Amino acid sequence: MNQTKKIINHQSLLLSRYKKLVEQAYNFRQTDSALSDISEYKAIKLLHKINKLKYLIRDLNTLQQN
């Protein structure tokens, strides 16, 4: 159970960073398209990490139920 809480905490941290990067990409869209693209790329990479953690949590929960 402790591992699941650590993963969830890490996931929420990544999610808040993801939201900041998406907002930053949106704000840069009109002024600097290169910075916007960089922020969007970093946000996509974080989203992939968040999705991997979702699968890991799901697997841990199914193992704990069995």
C-alpha atoms as a PDB file:
ATOM      1  CA  MET A   1       0.000   0.000   0.000  1.00  0.00           C
ATOM      2  CA  ASN A   2       2.895   2.340   0.752  1.00  0.00           C
ATOM      3  CA  GLN A   3       4.250   1.900  -2.775  1.00  0.00           C
ATOM      4  CA  THR A   4       0.917   2.865  -4.261  1.00  0.00           C
ATOM      5  CA  LYS A   5       0.824   6.097  -2.246  1.00  0.00           C
ATOM      6  CA  LYS A   6       4.340   7.008  -3.371  1.00  0.00           C
ATOM      7  CA  ILE A   7       3.395   6.420  -6.979  1.00  0.00           C
ATOM      8  CA  ILE A   8       0.209   8.465  -6.637  1.00  0.00           C
ATOM      9  CA  ASN A   9       2.138  11.345  -5.029  1.00  0.00           C
ATOM     10  CA  HIS A  10       4.706  11.247  -7.818  1.00  0.00           C
ATOM     11  CA  GLN A  11       1.915  11.131 -10.391  1.00  0.00           C
ATOM     12  CA  SER A  12       0.239  14.214  -8.922  1.00  0.00           C
ATOM     13  CA  LEU A  13       3.558  16.065  -8.975  1.00  0.00           C
ATOM     14  CA  LEU A  14       4.055  15.171 -12.632  1.00  0.00           C
ATOM     15  CA  LEU A  15       0.476  16.205 -13.410  1.00  0.00           C
ATOM     16  CA  SER A  16       0.971  19.663 -11.919  1.00  0.00           C
ATOM     17  CA  ARG A  17       4.198  20.080 -13.924  1.00  0.00           C
ATOM     18  CA  TYR A  18       2.341  18.918 -17.035  1.00  0.00           C
ATOM     19  CA  LYS A  19      -0.387  21.523 -16.543  1.00  0.00           C
ATOM     20  CA  LYS A  20       2.200  24.287 -16.115  1.00  0.00           C
ATOM     21  CA  LEU A  21       3.987  23.249 -19.298  1.00  0.00           C
ATOM     22  CA  VAL A  22       0.754  23.152 -21.304  1.00  0.00           C
ATOM     23  CA  GLU A  23      -0.180  26.602 -20.045  1.00  0.00           C
ATOM     24  CA  GLN A  24       3.295  27.866 -20.844  1.00  0.00           C
ATOM     25  CA  ALA A  25       3.087  26.426 -24.367  1.00  0.00           C
ATOM     26  CA  TYR A  26      -0.271  28.135 -24.866  1.00  0.00           C
ATOM     27  CA  ASN A  27       1.074  31.483 -23.660  1.00  0.00           C
ATOM     28  CA  PHE A  28       4.132  31.281 -25.930  1.00  0.00           C
ATOM     29  CA  ARG A  29       2.091  30.292 -28.980  1.00  0.00           C
ATOM     30  CA  GLN A  30       1.584  33.866 -30.205  1.00  0.00           C
ATOM     31  CA  THR A  31       4.979  35.314 -29.280  1.00  0.00           C
ATOM     32  CA  ASP A  32       7.576  32.537 -29.709  1.00  0.00           C
ATOM     33  CA  SER A  33       6.577  29.401 -31.547  1.00  0.00           C
ATOM     34  CA  ALA A  34       9.885  27.636 -30.849  1.00  0.00           C
ATOM     35  CA  LEU A  35       9.474  27.965 -27.092  1.00  0.00           C
ATOM     36  CA  SER A  36       5.876  26.880 -27.435  1.00  0.00           C
ATOM     37  CA  ASP A  37       6.943  23.737 -29.277  1.00  0.00           C
ATOM     38  CA  ILE A  38       9.603  22.950 -26.687  1.00  0.00           C
ATOM     39  CA  SER A  39       7.137  23.323 -23.816  1.00  0.00           C
ATOM     40  CA  GLU A  40       4.593  21.192 -25.645  1.00  0.00           C
ATOM     41  CA  TYR A  41       7.196  18.481 -26.295  1.00  0.00           C
ATOM     42  CA  LYS A  42       8.164  18.388 -22.613  1.00  0.00           C
ATOM     43  CA  ALA A  43       4.497  18.217 -21.652  1.00  0.00           C
ATOM     44  CA  ILE A  44       3.941  15.259 -23.994  1.00  0.00           C
ATOM     45  CA  LYS A  45       6.896  13.426 -22.460  1.00  0.00           C
ATOM     46  CA  LEU A  46       5.452  14.011 -18.983  1.00  0.00           C
ATOM     47  CA  LEU A  47       2.053  12.798 -20.141  1.00  0.00           C
ATOM     48  CA  HIS A  48       3.613   9.527 -21.268  1.00  0.00           C
ATOM     49  CA  LYS A  49       5.204   9.109 -17.835  1.00  0.00           C
ATOM     50  CA  ILE A  50       1.871   9.835 -16.143  1.00  0.00           C
ATOM     51  CA  ASN A  51       0.139   7.220 -18.286  1.00  0.00           C
ATOM     52  CA  LYS A  52       2.812   4.638 -17.452  1.00  0.00           C
ATOM     53  CA  LEU A  53       2.233   5.311 -13.758  1.00  0.00           C
ATOM     54  CA  LYS A  54      -1.518   4.826 -14.237  1.00  0.00           C
ATOM     55  CA  TYR A  55      -0.892   1.353 -15.629  1.00  0.00           C
ATOM     56  CA  LEU A  56       1.540   0.585 -12.826  1.00  0.00           C
ATOM     57  CA  ILE A  57      -1.001   1.595 -10.185  1.00  0.00           C
ATOM     58  CA  ARG A  58      -3.667  -0.511 -11.875  1.00  0.00           C
ATOM     59  CA  ASP A  59      -1.337  -3.527 -11.891  1.00  0.00           C
ATOM     60  CA  LEU A  60      -0.422  -3.031  -8.236  1.00  0.00           C
ATOM     61  CA  ASN A  61      -4.095  -2.783  -7.261  1.00  0.00           C
ATOM     62  CA  THR A  62      -4.959  -6.005  -9.074  1.00  0.00           C
ATOM     63  CA  LEU A  63      -2.053  -7.797  -7.389  1.00  0.00           C
ATOM     64  CA  GLN A  64      -3.132  -6.575  -3.966  1.00  0.00           C
ATOM     65  CA  GLN A  65      -6.724  -7.734  -4.536  1.00  0.00           C
ATOM     66  CA  ASN A  66      -5.614 -11.269  -5.397  1.00  0.00           C
END
